[in-house]
Amino acid sequence: DKAEMAKVCSAWCESPAGDNFAPPVVVDGDTMVSQSIAASLYLGAKLGLTPAGYNDYKAMQFCGDIVDTFEGGVGKNNEDGAALKKFIEGDRFARLMGNVERGIVGPYYFGEEPSSVDFFLFSHLDWRTSNVFGPLKEKKDVDVMASYPKMLAIYTSLCATPGYQNYAGGLSKPGPISDEILAAYA
């Protein structure tokens, strides 16, 4: 609800919310942190998702790479089938995905335990799998994730967690891209 969000961020109106522009917004006592990367890393630190080998600066870099790949790349090209095909099958997508893949030590970003970065990647993969990658695989036999086993392993592992399996919240996954867009992916 925009009126409720205006209490903590100013994306839709002048707001006394201070320096928070857009959701998501974490409100933790007197601290408010907005934007997906900052909110995710803040919560990760609060929840102890900073395993051995974790580096704050690399975490920020990796999250930025994830946004570039899945929001700036896939997200900017998923409204038109021809543009999506050109992007998915082009060099830029392969370079972006390869960069994300190489950043993962294995099995998670920083080694044996998941970090906030892994959950950030997971959220983007979950979104894009239900929205784009799943429909492409099902209807066009295009397996976008085939060349990225580390990312796929993180996605598969975190999908199997009780928190994901038993989620009873009010958020639903975005629907798949339209049949019209898929038909134009030729």
N, C-alpha and C. Protein backbone atom coordinates (compact mmCIF):
# COMPACT_ATOMS: atom_id res chain seq x y z
N ASP A 1 0.84 -1.17 0.00
CA ASP A 1 0.00 0.00 0.00
C ASP A 1 0.90 1.24 0.00
N LYS A 2 0.70 2.09 -0.98
CA LYS A 2 1.58 3.25 -1.17
C LYS A 2 1.51 4.23 -0.01
N ALA A 3 0.34 4.41 0.57
CA ALA A 3 0.21 5.33 1.71
C ALA A 3 1.03 4.82 2.89
N GLU A 4 1.01 3.53 3.10
CA GLU A 4 1.79 2.94 4.19
C GLU A 4 3.28 3.04 3.90
N MET A 5 3.67 2.77 2.64
CA MET A 5 5.08 2.86 2.27
C MET A 5 5.58 4.30 2.37
N ALA A 6 4.71 5.29 2.13
CA ALA A 6 5.12 6.70 2.20
C ALA A 6 5.57 7.08 3.61
N LYS A 7 5.21 6.27 4.58
CA LYS A 7 5.66 6.54 5.96
C LYS A 7 7.14 6.25 6.13
N VAL A 8 7.69 5.42 5.24
CA VAL A 8 9.10 5.03 5.38
C VAL A 8 9.96 5.30 4.15
N CYS A 9 9.36 5.68 3.03
CA CYS A 9 10.15 6.01 1.84
C CYS A 9 9.42 7.02 0.97
N SER A 10 10.17 7.69 0.13
CA SER A 10 9.63 8.82 -0.62
C SER A 10 9.50 8.57 -2.11
N ALA A 11 9.42 7.34 -2.54
CA ALA A 11 9.36 7.03 -3.97
C ALA A 11 8.10 7.59 -4.64
N TRP A 12 7.01 7.67 -3.92
CA TRP A 12 5.73 8.07 -4.52
C TRP A 12 5.27 9.45 -4.13
N CYS A 13 5.93 10.09 -3.18
CA CYS A 13 5.47 11.41 -2.73
C CYS A 13 6.55 12.04 -1.87
N GLU A 14 6.38 13.31 -1.58
CA GLU A 14 7.25 13.93 -0.58
C GLU A 14 6.94 13.24 0.73
N SER A 15 7.96 12.82 1.41
CA SER A 15 7.74 12.05 2.63
C SER A 15 8.72 12.51 3.70
N PRO A 16 8.26 12.51 4.91
CA PRO A 16 9.18 12.81 6.02
C PRO A 16 10.07 11.63 6.37
N ALA A 17 10.10 10.63 5.49
CA ALA A 17 10.81 9.39 5.79
C ALA A 17 12.32 9.53 5.80
N GLY A 18 12.83 10.66 5.43
CA GLY A 18 14.28 10.83 5.46
C GLY A 18 14.93 10.38 4.18
N ASP A 19 15.97 9.60 4.31
CA ASP A 19 16.80 9.26 3.15
C ASP A 19 16.48 7.91 2.52
N ASN A 20 15.32 7.36 2.79
CA ASN A 20 14.92 6.09 2.18
C ASN A 20 14.00 6.38 1.01
N PHE A 21 14.40 5.94 -0.18
CA PHE A 21 13.63 6.25 -1.37
C PHE A 21 12.61 5.17 -1.72
N ALA A 22 13.07 3.94 -1.88
CA ALA A 22 12.19 2.90 -2.40
C ALA A 22 12.30 1.61 -1.62
N PRO A 23 11.24 0.80 -1.67
CA PRO A 23 11.28 -0.50 -1.01
C PRO A 23 12.23 -1.46 -1.71
N PRO A 24 12.61 -2.51 -1.01
CA PRO A 24 12.18 -2.87 0.33
C PRO A 24 12.81 -1.97 1.38
N VAL A 25 12.14 -1.85 2.50
CA VAL A 25 12.64 -1.05 3.62
C VAL A 25 12.64 -1.92 4.86
N VAL A 26 13.79 -2.01 5.50
CA VAL A 26 13.90 -2.70 6.78
C VAL A 26 13.80 -1.63 7.86
N VAL A 27 12.88 -1.82 8.80
CA VAL A 27 12.76 -0.93 9.95
C VAL A 27 13.16 -1.76 11.15
N ASP A 28 14.27 -1.37 11.77
CA ASP A 28 14.83 -2.10 12.90
C ASP A 28 15.10 -1.10 14.01
N GLY A 29 14.11 -0.90 14.87
CA GLY A 29 14.25 0.12 15.91
C GLY A 29 14.32 1.49 15.27
N ASP A 30 15.39 2.22 15.56
CA ASP A 30 15.58 3.55 14.99
C ASP A 30 16.28 3.52 13.64
N THR A 31 16.65 2.35 13.17
CA THR A 31 17.36 2.22 11.91
C THR A 31 16.40 1.83 10.80
N MET A 32 16.48 2.56 9.68
CA MET A 32 15.74 2.21 8.48
C MET A 32 16.74 2.10 7.34
N VAL A 33 16.68 0.99 6.63
CA VAL A 33 17.56 0.73 5.50
C VAL A 33 16.69 0.36 4.31
N SER A 34 16.92 1.03 3.17
CA SER A 34 16.11 0.73 1.99
C SER A 34 17.00 0.28 0.83
N GLN A 35 16.31 -0.17 -0.21
CA GLN A 35 16.89 -0.72 -1.44
C GLN A 35 17.31 -2.17 -1.19
N SER A 36 17.16 -2.99 -2.19
CA SER A 36 17.29 -4.44 -2.02
C SER A 36 18.67 -4.88 -1.55
N ILE A 37 19.73 -4.34 -2.11
CA ILE A 37 21.07 -4.78 -1.72
C ILE A 37 21.34 -4.41 -0.27
N ALA A 38 21.14 -3.14 0.08
CA ALA A 38 21.42 -2.69 1.44
C ALA A 38 20.55 -3.43 2.45
N ALA A 39 19.27 -3.60 2.14
CA ALA A 39 18.36 -4.30 3.06
C ALA A 39 18.79 -5.75 3.24
N SER A 40 19.16 -6.42 2.17
CA SER A 40 19.59 -7.82 2.26
C SER A 40 20.87 -7.98 3.06
N LEU A 41 21.85 -7.12 2.79
CA LEU A 41 23.12 -7.23 3.52
C LEU A 41 22.95 -6.84 4.99
N TYR A 42 22.11 -5.87 5.27
CA TYR A 42 21.83 -5.48 6.65
C TYR A 42 21.20 -6.66 7.41
N LEU A 43 20.16 -7.25 6.81
CA LEU A 43 19.51 -8.39 7.46
C LEU A 43 20.47 -9.56 7.59
N GLY A 44 21.28 -9.79 6.58
CA GLY A 44 22.26 -10.88 6.65
C GLY A 44 23.21 -10.71 7.81
N ALA A 45 23.68 -9.49 8.04
CA ALA A 45 24.57 -9.23 9.18
C ALA A 45 23.83 -9.45 10.50
N LYS A 46 22.60 -8.96 10.57
CA LYS A 46 21.80 -9.12 11.80
C LYS A 46 21.52 -10.60 12.11
N LEU A 47 21.35 -11.40 11.06
CA LEU A 47 20.98 -12.80 11.22
C LEU A 47 22.18 -13.75 11.23
N GLY A 48 23.38 -13.20 11.15
CA GLY A 48 24.57 -14.04 11.19
C GLY A 48 24.88 -14.75 9.88
N LEU A 49 24.38 -14.24 8.77
CA LEU A 49 24.65 -14.85 7.46
C LEU A 49 25.95 -14.29 6.88
N THR A 50 26.98 -14.35 7.70
CA THR A 50 28.32 -13.87 7.32
C THR A 50 29.33 -14.97 7.67
N PRO A 51 29.34 -16.05 6.89
CA PRO A 51 30.18 -17.20 7.20
C PRO A 51 31.67 -16.90 7.05
N ALA A 52 32.48 -17.85 7.44
CA ALA A 52 33.93 -17.73 7.28
C ALA A 52 34.24 -17.37 5.83
N GLY A 53 35.16 -16.42 5.65
CA GLY A 53 35.53 -15.99 4.31
C GLY A 53 34.68 -14.87 3.76
N TYR A 54 33.63 -14.50 4.46
CA TYR A 54 32.73 -13.44 4.01
C TYR A 54 33.47 -12.11 3.98
N ASN A 55 33.23 -11.34 2.93
CA ASN A 55 33.87 -10.04 2.79
C ASN A 55 32.78 -9.03 2.41
N ASP A 56 32.62 -7.98 3.22
CA ASP A 56 31.57 -6.99 2.99
C ASP A 56 31.65 -6.37 1.60
N TYR A 57 32.84 -6.06 1.16
CA TYR A 57 33.00 -5.37 -0.13
C TYR A 57 32.72 -6.30 -1.30
N LYS A 58 33.17 -7.55 -1.20
CA LYS A 58 32.85 -8.51 -2.26
C LYS A 58 31.36 -8.81 -2.25
N ALA A 59 30.74 -8.84 -1.08
CA ALA A 59 29.30 -9.07 -1.00
C ALA A 59 28.55 -7.97 -1.75
N MET A 60 28.94 -6.72 -1.55
CA MET A 60 28.31 -5.62 -2.28
C MET A 60 28.52 -5.76 -3.79
N GLN A 61 29.75 -6.12 -4.18
CA GLN A 61 30.05 -6.32 -5.60
C GLN A 61 29.19 -7.43 -6.19
N PHE A 62 29.13 -8.57 -5.48
CA PHE A 62 28.36 -9.70 -5.98
C PHE A 62 26.87 -9.35 -6.11
N CYS A 63 26.33 -8.64 -5.13
CA CYS A 63 24.92 -8.24 -5.21
C CYS A 63 24.69 -7.28 -6.37
N GLY A 64 25.61 -6.37 -6.59
CA GLY A 64 25.51 -5.48 -7.74
C GLY A 64 25.53 -6.25 -9.05
N ASP A 65 26.39 -7.26 -9.12
CA ASP A 65 26.46 -8.12 -10.31
C ASP A 65 25.13 -8.85 -10.54
N ILE A 66 24.52 -9.30 -9.46
CA ILE A 66 23.23 -9.99 -9.54
C ILE A 66 22.16 -9.05 -10.08
N VAL A 67 22.12 -7.82 -9.57
CA VAL A 67 21.15 -6.84 -10.06
C VAL A 67 21.40 -6.54 -11.53
N ASP A 68 22.66 -6.34 -11.91
CA ASP A 68 22.98 -6.07 -13.31
C ASP A 68 22.48 -7.20 -14.22
N THR A 69 22.67 -8.43 -13.77
CA THR A 69 22.31 -9.59 -14.59
C THR A 69 20.81 -9.79 -14.69
N PHE A 70 20.14 -9.83 -13.54
CA PHE A 70 18.74 -10.25 -13.52
C PHE A 70 17.73 -9.11 -13.63
N GLU A 71 18.09 -7.93 -13.18
CA GLU A 71 17.18 -6.79 -13.32
C GLU A 71 17.56 -5.96 -14.54
N GLY A 72 18.81 -5.53 -14.61
CA GLY A 72 19.25 -4.71 -15.72
C GLY A 72 19.37 -5.47 -17.02
N GLY A 73 19.61 -6.76 -16.95
CA GLY A 73 19.74 -7.58 -18.15
C GLY A 73 18.45 -8.27 -18.52
N VAL A 74 18.10 -9.32 -17.80
CA VAL A 74 16.89 -10.08 -18.10
C VAL A 74 15.66 -9.18 -17.98
N GLY A 75 15.58 -8.41 -16.90
CA GLY A 75 14.40 -7.58 -16.66
C GLY A 75 14.15 -6.52 -17.72
N LYS A 76 15.20 -6.02 -18.30
CA LYS A 76 15.03 -5.00 -19.35
C LYS A 76 14.72 -5.60 -20.71
N ASN A 77 14.77 -6.91 -20.81
CA ASN A 77 14.56 -7.56 -22.10
C ASN A 77 13.42 -8.57 -22.10
N ASN A 78 12.67 -8.70 -21.02
CA ASN A 78 11.68 -9.77 -20.96
C ASN A 78 10.26 -9.35 -21.35
N GLU A 79 10.11 -8.17 -21.93
CA GLU A 79 8.79 -7.73 -22.37
C GLU A 79 8.58 -7.91 -23.87
N ASP A 80 9.60 -8.38 -24.54
CA ASP A 80 9.52 -8.58 -25.99
C ASP A 80 10.29 -9.85 -26.32
N GLY A 81 9.63 -10.79 -26.97
CA GLY A 81 10.25 -12.08 -27.25
C GLY A 81 11.52 -12.00 -28.06
N ALA A 82 11.53 -11.17 -29.09
CA ALA A 82 12.73 -11.05 -29.94
C ALA A 82 13.88 -10.44 -29.15
N ALA A 83 13.59 -9.43 -28.35
CA ALA A 83 14.64 -8.80 -27.53
C ALA A 83 15.15 -9.78 -26.48
N LEU A 84 14.25 -10.56 -25.88
CA LEU A 84 14.65 -11.54 -24.88
C LEU A 84 15.55 -12.60 -25.50
N LYS A 85 15.17 -13.10 -26.66
CA LYS A 85 15.99 -14.12 -27.35
C LYS A 85 17.37 -13.56 -27.69
N LYS A 86 17.40 -12.35 -28.23
CA LYS A 86 18.68 -11.72 -28.58
C LYS A 86 19.56 -11.58 -27.34
N PHE A 87 18.96 -11.18 -26.21
CA PHE A 87 19.74 -11.01 -24.99
C PHE A 87 20.19 -12.36 -24.42
N ILE A 88 19.26 -13.30 -24.25
CA ILE A 88 19.58 -14.61 -23.66
C ILE A 88 20.63 -15.36 -24.49
N GLU A 89 20.54 -15.25 -25.79
CA GLU A 89 21.46 -15.99 -26.65
C GLU A 89 22.68 -15.17 -27.05
N GLY A 90 22.78 -13.96 -26.52
CA GLY A 90 23.89 -13.09 -26.88
C GLY A 90 25.07 -13.18 -25.93
N ASP A 91 26.14 -12.54 -26.31
CA ASP A 91 27.38 -12.54 -25.54
C ASP A 91 27.23 -11.88 -24.18
N ARG A 92 26.45 -10.80 -24.10
CA ARG A 92 26.34 -10.05 -22.84
C ARG A 92 25.76 -10.92 -21.73
N PHE A 93 24.70 -11.67 -22.02
CA PHE A 93 24.10 -12.55 -21.02
C PHE A 93 25.11 -13.60 -20.56
N ALA A 94 25.80 -14.21 -21.48
CA ALA A 94 26.80 -15.23 -21.13
C ALA A 94 27.90 -14.63 -20.25
N ARG A 95 28.33 -13.42 -20.58
CA ARG A 95 29.37 -12.77 -19.76
C ARG A 95 28.85 -12.43 -18.37
N LEU A 96 27.64 -11.89 -18.30
CA LEU A 96 27.06 -11.56 -16.99
C LEU A 96 26.88 -12.81 -16.14
N MET A 97 26.27 -13.83 -16.71
CA MET A 97 26.04 -15.08 -15.96
C MET A 97 27.36 -15.75 -15.60
N GLY A 98 28.32 -15.74 -16.51
CA GLY A 98 29.63 -16.32 -16.22
C GLY A 98 30.32 -15.60 -15.08
N ASN A 99 30.18 -14.30 -15.03
CA ASN A 99 30.76 -13.51 -13.96
C ASN A 99 30.14 -13.89 -12.61
N VAL A 100 28.82 -14.01 -12.57
CA VAL A 100 28.15 -14.41 -11.33
C VAL A 100 28.62 -15.81 -10.94
N GLU A 101 28.64 -16.71 -11.88
CA GLU A 101 29.05 -18.10 -11.62
C GLU A 101 30.48 -18.16 -11.06
N ARG A 102 31.40 -17.40 -11.63
CA ARG A 102 32.80 -17.43 -11.18
C ARG A 102 32.97 -16.83 -9.78
N GLY A 103 32.06 -15.99 -9.36
CA GLY A 103 32.15 -15.40 -8.02
C GLY A 103 31.81 -16.38 -6.91
N ILE A 104 31.18 -17.48 -7.23
CA ILE A 104 30.75 -18.47 -6.24
C ILE A 104 31.89 -19.44 -5.98
N VAL A 105 32.37 -19.47 -4.73
CA VAL A 105 33.44 -20.40 -4.35
C VAL A 105 32.94 -21.82 -4.46
N GLY A 106 31.76 -22.07 -3.92
CA GLY A 106 31.13 -23.37 -3.94
C GLY A 106 31.15 -24.03 -2.57
N PRO A 107 30.11 -24.65 -2.17
CA PRO A 107 28.84 -24.69 -2.87
C PRO A 107 28.07 -23.35 -2.81
N TYR A 108 28.48 -22.47 -1.87
CA TYR A 108 27.87 -21.15 -1.76
C TYR A 108 28.90 -20.08 -2.11
N TYR A 109 28.47 -18.83 -2.13
CA TYR A 109 29.36 -17.74 -2.54
C TYR A 109 30.69 -17.75 -1.81
N PHE A 110 30.64 -17.87 -0.49
CA PHE A 110 31.88 -17.76 0.28
C PHE A 110 32.36 -19.10 0.82
N GLY A 111 31.79 -20.19 0.36
CA GLY A 111 32.25 -21.50 0.81
C GLY A 111 31.11 -22.42 1.23
N GLU A 112 31.27 -23.04 2.38
CA GLU A 112 30.38 -24.12 2.80
C GLU A 112 29.04 -23.69 3.36
N GLU A 113 28.91 -22.44 3.78
CA GLU A 113 27.66 -21.98 4.40
C GLU A 113 27.05 -20.84 3.58
N PRO A 114 25.73 -20.79 3.52
CA PRO A 114 25.10 -19.70 2.77
C PRO A 114 25.26 -18.35 3.47
N SER A 115 25.34 -17.32 2.68
CA SER A 115 25.44 -15.95 3.18
C SER A 115 24.24 -15.16 2.67
N SER A 116 24.16 -13.92 3.07
CA SER A 116 23.09 -13.06 2.56
C SER A 116 23.16 -12.93 1.04
N VAL A 117 24.35 -13.01 0.47
CA VAL A 117 24.50 -12.92 -0.98
C VAL A 117 23.84 -14.11 -1.66
N ASP A 118 23.97 -15.29 -1.07
CA ASP A 118 23.32 -16.48 -1.63
C ASP A 118 21.81 -16.32 -1.64
N PHE A 119 21.26 -15.79 -0.55
CA PHE A 119 19.82 -15.57 -0.50
C PHE A 119 19.39 -14.48 -1.47
N PHE A 120 20.24 -13.48 -1.67
CA PHE A 120 19.94 -12.43 -2.64
C PHE A 120 19.91 -13.02 -4.06
N LEU A 121 20.91 -13.85 -4.38
CA LEU A 121 20.91 -14.54 -5.67
C LEU A 121 19.68 -15.43 -5.79
N PHE A 122 19.39 -16.16 -4.73
CA PHE A 122 18.24 -17.06 -4.73
C PHE A 122 16.94 -16.31 -5.05
N SER A 123 16.77 -15.16 -4.44
CA SER A 123 15.52 -14.41 -4.69
C SER A 123 15.40 -14.02 -6.16
N HIS A 124 16.51 -13.64 -6.77
CA HIS A 124 16.48 -13.28 -8.19
C HIS A 124 16.28 -14.51 -9.07
N LEU A 125 16.91 -15.62 -8.72
CA LEU A 125 16.72 -16.85 -9.50
C LEU A 125 15.29 -17.36 -9.36
N ASP A 126 14.73 -17.28 -8.17
CA ASP A 126 13.37 -17.75 -7.95
C ASP A 126 12.39 -16.92 -8.78
N TRP A 127 12.61 -15.63 -8.78
CA TRP A 127 11.78 -14.70 -9.55
C TRP A 127 11.90 -15.01 -11.04
N ARG A 128 13.13 -15.08 -11.54
CA ARG A 128 13.33 -15.27 -12.98
C ARG A 128 13.02 -16.68 -13.44
N THR A 129 13.15 -17.67 -12.55
CA THR A 129 12.80 -19.03 -12.93
C THR A 129 11.29 -19.15 -13.14
N SER A 130 10.51 -18.60 -12.21
CA SER A 130 9.06 -18.69 -12.36
C SER A 130 8.57 -17.81 -13.50
N ASN A 131 9.25 -16.72 -13.74
CA ASN A 131 8.80 -15.70 -14.69
C ASN A 131 9.32 -15.92 -16.11
N VAL A 132 10.58 -16.32 -16.26
CA VAL A 132 11.20 -16.39 -17.59
C VAL A 132 11.85 -17.75 -17.86
N PHE A 133 12.78 -18.16 -17.00
CA PHE A 133 13.58 -19.35 -17.30
C PHE A 133 12.74 -20.62 -17.35
N GLY A 134 11.80 -20.78 -16.43
CA GLY A 134 10.93 -21.95 -16.43
C GLY A 134 10.09 -22.04 -17.69
N PRO A 135 9.37 -20.96 -18.04
CA PRO A 135 8.59 -21.00 -19.28
C PRO A 135 9.45 -21.25 -20.53
N LEU A 136 10.64 -20.68 -20.59
CA LEU A 136 11.51 -20.93 -21.75
C LEU A 136 11.90 -22.41 -21.83
N LYS A 137 12.18 -23.01 -20.69
CA LYS A 137 12.56 -24.42 -20.68
C LYS A 137 11.37 -25.30 -21.04
N GLU A 138 10.23 -24.99 -20.46
CA GLU A 138 9.03 -25.80 -20.67
C GLU A 138 8.48 -25.69 -22.09
N LYS A 139 8.44 -24.49 -22.62
CA LYS A 139 7.75 -24.27 -23.90
C LYS A 139 8.68 -24.12 -25.10
N LYS A 140 9.94 -23.80 -24.86
CA LYS A 140 10.88 -23.59 -25.97
C LYS A 140 12.11 -24.50 -25.89
N ASP A 141 12.17 -25.33 -24.84
CA ASP A 141 13.31 -26.22 -24.62
C ASP A 141 14.64 -25.46 -24.56
N VAL A 142 14.59 -24.26 -23.96
CA VAL A 142 15.78 -23.44 -23.77
C VAL A 142 16.14 -23.51 -22.29
N ASP A 143 17.23 -24.19 -21.97
CA ASP A 143 17.66 -24.34 -20.57
C ASP A 143 18.69 -23.27 -20.25
N VAL A 144 18.22 -22.14 -19.78
CA VAL A 144 19.07 -20.99 -19.51
C VAL A 144 20.13 -21.32 -18.46
N MET A 145 19.81 -22.17 -17.50
CA MET A 145 20.72 -22.44 -16.39
C MET A 145 21.70 -23.60 -16.64
N ALA A 146 21.63 -24.25 -17.77
CA ALA A 146 22.44 -25.44 -18.03
C ALA A 146 23.95 -25.21 -17.88
N SER A 147 24.41 -24.04 -18.22
CA SER A 147 25.85 -23.76 -18.17
C SER A 147 26.31 -23.14 -16.85
N TYR A 148 25.41 -23.10 -15.87
CA TYR A 148 25.73 -22.41 -14.62
C TYR A 148 25.41 -23.29 -13.42
N PRO A 149 26.20 -24.37 -13.24
CA PRO A 149 25.89 -25.35 -12.19
C PRO A 149 26.00 -24.81 -10.76
N LYS A 150 26.88 -23.86 -10.51
CA LYS A 150 26.98 -23.33 -9.14
C LYS A 150 25.74 -22.53 -8.77
N MET A 151 25.26 -21.71 -9.69
CA MET A 151 24.03 -20.95 -9.43
C MET A 151 22.86 -21.90 -9.26
N LEU A 152 22.78 -22.89 -10.12
CA LEU A 152 21.69 -23.85 -10.05
C LEU A 152 21.74 -24.63 -8.74
N ALA A 153 22.95 -24.96 -8.26
CA ALA A 153 23.08 -25.68 -7.00
C ALA A 153 22.60 -24.82 -5.82
N ILE A 154 22.92 -23.53 -5.83
CA ILE A 154 22.44 -22.64 -4.77
C ILE A 154 20.92 -22.58 -4.82
N TYR A 155 20.37 -22.40 -6.01
CA TYR A 155 18.92 -22.32 -6.16
C TYR A 155 18.25 -23.60 -5.64
N THR A 156 18.75 -24.74 -6.08
CA THR A 156 18.18 -26.03 -5.68
C THR A 156 18.28 -26.24 -4.18
N SER A 157 19.44 -25.92 -3.62
CA SER A 157 19.66 -26.09 -2.18
C SER A 157 18.73 -25.23 -1.35
N LEU A 158 18.59 -23.96 -1.71
CA LEU A 158 17.76 -23.07 -0.92
C LEU A 158 16.27 -23.32 -1.16
N CYS A 159 15.89 -23.85 -2.31
CA CYS A 159 14.50 -24.26 -2.54
C CYS A 159 14.11 -25.40 -1.61
N ALA A 160 15.08 -26.21 -1.22
CA ALA A 160 14.81 -27.39 -0.39
C ALA A 160 14.74 -27.06 1.10
N THR A 161 15.02 -25.83 1.49
CA THR A 161 15.01 -25.49 2.92
C THR A 161 13.59 -25.47 3.46
N PRO A 162 13.43 -25.81 4.74
CA PRO A 162 12.09 -25.76 5.34
C PRO A 162 11.46 -24.36 5.27
N GLY A 163 12.27 -23.32 5.40
CA GLY A 163 11.73 -21.97 5.33
C GLY A 163 11.08 -21.69 3.99
N TYR A 164 11.65 -22.21 2.93
CA TYR A 164 11.07 -22.02 1.59
C TYR A 164 9.89 -22.97 1.39
N GLN A 165 10.09 -24.22 1.74
CA GLN A 165 9.05 -25.23 1.53
C GLN A 165 7.78 -24.93 2.32
N ASN A 166 7.93 -24.36 3.51
CA ASN A 166 6.79 -24.13 4.40
C ASN A 166 6.34 -22.68 4.44
N TYR A 167 6.78 -21.88 3.51
CA TYR A 167 6.43 -20.46 3.51
C TYR A 167 4.91 -20.30 3.41
N ALA A 168 4.35 -19.56 4.35
CA ALA A 168 2.90 -19.36 4.37
C ALA A 168 2.55 -17.88 4.29
N GLY A 169 3.50 -17.06 3.88
CA GLY A 169 3.28 -15.62 3.81
C GLY A 169 2.34 -15.22 2.69
N GLY A 170 2.21 -13.93 2.51
CA GLY A 170 1.26 -13.42 1.54
C GLY A 170 1.83 -13.10 0.18
N LEU A 171 3.11 -13.30 -0.03
CA LEU A 171 3.70 -12.99 -1.33
C LEU A 171 3.59 -14.18 -2.27
N SER A 172 3.25 -13.91 -3.50
CA SER A 172 3.23 -14.97 -4.49
C SER A 172 4.27 -14.67 -5.56
N LYS A 173 4.69 -15.71 -6.23
CA LYS A 173 5.66 -15.54 -7.31
C LYS A 173 5.00 -14.81 -8.47
N PRO A 174 5.79 -14.04 -9.21
CA PRO A 174 5.22 -13.42 -10.41
C PRO A 174 4.88 -14.49 -11.43
N GLY A 175 3.86 -14.23 -12.18
CA GLY A 175 3.45 -15.19 -13.21
C GLY A 175 4.45 -15.25 -14.34
N PRO A 176 4.28 -16.25 -15.19
CA PRO A 176 5.20 -16.41 -16.32
C PRO A 176 4.98 -15.32 -17.37
N ILE A 177 6.01 -15.12 -18.18
CA ILE A 177 5.87 -14.20 -19.30
C ILE A 177 4.73 -14.71 -20.18
N SER A 178 4.14 -13.83 -20.93
CA SER A 178 2.96 -14.18 -21.70
C SER A 178 3.28 -15.12 -22.86
N ASP A 179 2.25 -15.83 -23.29
CA ASP A 179 2.41 -16.70 -24.45
C ASP A 179 2.81 -15.91 -25.69
N GLU A 180 2.33 -14.68 -25.77
CA GLU A 180 2.67 -13.80 -26.89
C GLU A 180 4.19 -13.53 -26.93
N ILE A 181 4.75 -13.26 -25.77
CA ILE A 181 6.20 -13.03 -25.70
C ILE A 181 6.95 -14.32 -26.04
N LEU A 182 6.48 -15.45 -25.49
CA LEU A 182 7.12 -16.72 -25.79
C LEU A 182 7.04 -17.05 -27.29
N ALA A 183 5.91 -16.77 -27.89
CA ALA A 183 5.75 -17.04 -29.33
C ALA A 183 6.73 -16.20 -30.15
N ALA A 184 7.01 -14.99 -29.69
CA ALA A 184 7.94 -14.11 -30.42
C ALA A 184 9.40 -14.47 -30.15
N TYR A 185 9.62 -15.37 -29.18
CA TYR A 185 10.97 -15.87 -28.90
C TYR A 185 11.24 -16.96 -29.92
N ALA A 186 11.54 -16.57 -31.14
CA ALA A 186 11.67 -17.56 -32.22
C ALA A 186 13.02 -17.46 -32.89
